[in-house]
Amino acid sequence: MPPSTTSWTPAGGLQITSGKFTANAAWTVLAAIAYNLTRAAGVLASAFHAKATTATIRTQLIAVPARIARSARRSCLHLPAHWPWQDPWTALHAAATGPPATATT
């Protein structure tokens, strides 16, 4: 039996070739979780990113061109100056790391 491999098809889909149903099922569940988290990040970032494709969210919000600086046991993320997606990324960061929103009825 060949080892478990994954590859992208020319159509953009994920091809799973492990030969084991349970391994393929696990890959499918992980792909669905990654997709849902990416879509949720887009919704939290901005109205534009809520409607954007997954590839757009990945290139504009997830692949962040930043530098991490550590000092006195604290981490600081330095975003580039005049980065066009700084405001949506900051909104996403604030929503993900800030205090929870108050419940409304």
C-alpha atoms as a PDB file:
ATOM      1  CA  MET A   1       0.000   0.000   0.000  1.00  0.00           C
ATOM      2  CA  PRO A   2       1.463   3.444  -0.927  1.00  0.00           C
ATOM      3  CA  PRO A   3       1.887   6.033   1.823  1.00  0.00           C
ATOM      4  CA  SER A   4      -0.799   8.612   2.433  1.00  0.00           C
ATOM      5  CA  THR A   5      -0.392  11.605   0.143  1.00  0.00           C
ATOM      6  CA  THR A   6      -2.404  14.658  -0.703  1.00  0.00           C
ATOM      7  CA  SER A   7      -2.135  16.846  -3.768  1.00  0.00           C
ATOM      8  CA  TRP A   8      -4.062  19.589  -5.503  1.00  0.00           C
ATOM      9  CA  THR A   9      -5.838  18.763  -8.741  1.00  0.00           C
ATOM     10  CA  PRO A  10      -5.704  21.170 -11.713  1.00  0.00           C
ATOM     11  CA  ALA A  11      -9.313  22.146 -10.943  1.00  0.00           C
ATOM     12  CA  GLY A  12      -8.239  23.327  -7.475  1.00  0.00           C
ATOM     13  CA  GLY A  13      -9.639  20.422  -5.481  1.00  0.00           C
ATOM     14  CA  LEU A  14      -7.826  18.367  -2.891  1.00  0.00           C
ATOM     15  CA  GLN A  15      -7.047  14.818  -3.964  1.00  0.00           C
ATOM     16  CA  ILE A  16      -6.604  12.397  -1.051  1.00  0.00           C
ATOM     17  CA  THR A  17      -4.960   9.095  -1.890  1.00  0.00           C
ATOM     18  CA  SER A  18      -4.375   7.153   1.292  1.00  0.00           C
ATOM     19  CA  GLY A  19      -6.384   4.053   0.483  1.00  0.00           C
ATOM     20  CA  LYS A  20      -7.932   4.063   3.968  1.00  0.00           C
ATOM     21  CA  PHE A  21     -11.447   5.361   4.464  1.00  0.00           C
ATOM     22  CA  THR A  22     -10.807   6.646   7.992  1.00  0.00           C
ATOM     23  CA  ALA A  23      -7.694   8.580   6.937  1.00  0.00           C
ATOM     24  CA  ASN A  24      -9.559  10.151   4.025  1.00  0.00           C
ATOM     25  CA  ALA A  25     -12.443  11.014   6.340  1.00  0.00           C
ATOM     26  CA  ALA A  26     -10.049  12.719   8.760  1.00  0.00           C
ATOM     27  CA  TRP A  27      -8.513  14.778   5.933  1.00  0.00           C
ATOM     28  CA  THR A  28     -11.994  15.783   4.776  1.00  0.00           C
ATOM     29  CA  VAL A  29     -13.017  16.874   8.282  1.00  0.00           C
ATOM     30  CA  LEU A  30      -9.801  18.898   8.686  1.00  0.00           C
ATOM     31  CA  ALA A  31     -10.339  20.567   5.302  1.00  0.00           C
ATOM     32  CA  ALA A  32     -13.911  21.485   6.307  1.00  0.00           C
ATOM     33  CA  ILE A  33     -12.715  22.924   9.633  1.00  0.00           C
ATOM     34  CA  ALA A  34     -10.016  24.978   7.875  1.00  0.00           C
ATOM     35  CA  TYR A  35     -12.570  26.272   5.359  1.00  0.00           C
ATOM     36  CA  ASN A  36     -15.062  27.245   8.079  1.00  0.00           C
ATOM     37  CA  LEU A  37     -12.383  29.009  10.152  1.00  0.00           C
ATOM     38  CA  THR A  38     -11.216  30.930   7.083  1.00  0.00           C
ATOM     39  CA  ARG A  39     -14.771  32.030   6.276  1.00  0.00           C
ATOM     40  CA  ALA A  40     -15.349  33.074   9.903  1.00  0.00           C
ATOM     41  CA  ALA A  41     -12.138  35.118   9.837  1.00  0.00           C
ATOM     42  CA  GLY A  42     -13.371  36.861   6.691  1.00  0.00           C
ATOM     43  CA  VAL A  43     -16.677  37.739   8.309  1.00  0.00           C
ATOM     44  CA  LEU A  44     -14.937  39.137  11.403  1.00  0.00           C
ATOM     45  CA  ALA A  45     -12.458  41.158   9.326  1.00  0.00           C
ATOM     46  CA  SER A  46     -14.701  43.263   7.077  1.00  0.00           C
ATOM     47  CA  ALA A  47     -17.763  43.284   4.853  1.00  0.00           C
ATOM     48  CA  PHE A  48     -15.537  42.902   1.773  1.00  0.00           C
ATOM     49  CA  HIS A  49     -13.795  39.842   3.190  1.00  0.00           C
ATOM     50  CA  ALA A  50     -17.137  38.342   4.260  1.00  0.00           C
ATOM     51  CA  LYS A  51     -17.968  37.965   0.554  1.00  0.00           C
ATOM     52  CA  ALA A  52     -14.420  37.297  -0.690  1.00  0.00           C
ATOM     53  CA  THR A  53     -13.150  33.944  -1.882  1.00  0.00           C
ATOM     54  CA  THR A  54     -11.122  31.728   0.403  1.00  0.00           C
ATOM     55  CA  ALA A  55      -7.982  32.398  -1.657  1.00  0.00           C
ATOM     56  CA  THR A  56      -8.429  36.165  -1.212  1.00  0.00           C
ATOM     57  CA  ILE A  57      -8.816  35.804   2.556  1.00  0.00           C
ATOM     58  CA  ARG A  58      -5.752  33.578   2.678  1.00  0.00           C
ATOM     59  CA  THR A  59      -3.549  36.004   0.713  1.00  0.00           C
ATOM     60  CA  GLN A  60      -4.784  39.211   2.348  1.00  0.00           C
ATOM     61  CA  LEU A  61      -5.360  38.217   5.985  1.00  0.00           C
ATOM     62  CA  ILE A  62      -3.643  34.928   6.779  1.00  0.00           C
ATOM     63  CA  ALA A  63      -0.337  35.307   4.900  1.00  0.00           C
ATOM     64  CA  VAL A  64       0.590  38.440   6.837  1.00  0.00           C
ATOM     65  CA  PRO A  65       3.892  40.129   5.838  1.00  0.00           C
ATOM     66  CA  ALA A  66       4.810  41.009   9.416  1.00  0.00           C
ATOM     67  CA  ARG A  67       7.818  40.869  11.709  1.00  0.00           C
ATOM     68  CA  ILE A  68       7.578  39.469  15.225  1.00  0.00           C
ATOM     69  CA  ALA A  69       9.638  41.224  17.885  1.00  0.00           C
ATOM     70  CA  ARG A  70      10.049  39.829  21.396  1.00  0.00           C
ATOM     71  CA  SER A  71      11.048  41.924  24.358  1.00  0.00           C
ATOM     72  CA  ALA A  72      10.586  41.398  28.086  1.00  0.00           C
ATOM     73  CA  ARG A  73       8.522  38.228  27.516  1.00  0.00           C
ATOM     74  CA  ARG A  74       6.076  40.095  25.292  1.00  0.00           C
ATOM     75  CA  SER A  75       5.558  39.666  21.587  1.00  0.00           C
ATOM     76  CA  CYS A  76       4.907  42.577  19.260  1.00  0.00           C
ATOM     77  CA  LEU A  77       3.768  42.166  15.660  1.00  0.00           C
ATOM     78  CA  HIS A  78       5.102  44.846  13.295  1.00  0.00           C
ATOM     79  CA  LEU A  79       2.884  45.209  10.235  1.00  0.00           C
ATOM     80  CA  PRO A  80       4.270  46.992   7.166  1.00  0.00           C
ATOM     81  CA  ALA A  81       3.579  50.707   6.791  1.00  0.00           C
ATOM     82  CA  HIS A  82       0.737  51.545   4.374  1.00  0.00           C
ATOM     83  CA  TRP A  83      -0.336  47.893   4.172  1.00  0.00           C
ATOM     84  CA  PRO A  84      -3.717  47.983   2.384  1.00  0.00           C
ATOM     85  CA  TRP A  85      -5.383  45.341   4.580  1.00  0.00           C
ATOM     86  CA  GLN A  86      -4.236  46.670   7.944  1.00  0.00           C
ATOM     87  CA  ASP A  87      -7.702  47.831   9.050  1.00  0.00           C
ATOM     88  CA  PRO A  88      -9.488  44.516   8.300  1.00  0.00           C
ATOM     89  CA  TRP A  89      -6.610  42.566   9.875  1.00  0.00           C
ATOM     90  CA  THR A  90      -6.732  44.760  12.987  1.00  0.00           C
ATOM     91  CA  ALA A  91     -10.512  44.234  13.214  1.00  0.00           C
ATOM     92  CA  LEU A  92      -9.996  40.464  12.917  1.00  0.00           C
ATOM     93  CA  HIS A  93      -7.274  40.513  15.568  1.00  0.00           C
ATOM     94  CA  ALA A  94      -9.408  42.578  17.948  1.00  0.00           C
ATOM     95  CA  ALA A  95     -12.402  40.273  17.466  1.00  0.00           C
ATOM     96  CA  ALA A  96     -10.318  37.129  17.967  1.00  0.00           C
ATOM     97  CA  THR A  97      -8.285  38.261  20.972  1.00  0.00           C
ATOM     98  CA  GLY A  98     -10.464  40.879  22.646  1.00  0.00           C
ATOM     99  CA  PRO A  99     -12.980  40.362  25.425  1.00  0.00           C
ATOM    100  CA  PRO A 100     -16.182  38.573  24.432  1.00  0.00           C
ATOM    101  CA  ALA A 101     -19.077  40.666  23.237  1.00  0.00           C
ATOM    102  CA  THR A 102     -21.947  41.231  25.629  1.00  0.00           C
ATOM    103  CA  ALA A 103     -25.025  39.129  25.044  1.00  0.00           C
ATOM    104  CA  THR A 104     -28.103  40.882  23.713  1.00  0.00           C
ATOM    105  CA  THR A 105     -31.624  39.566  23.763  1.00  0.00           C
END
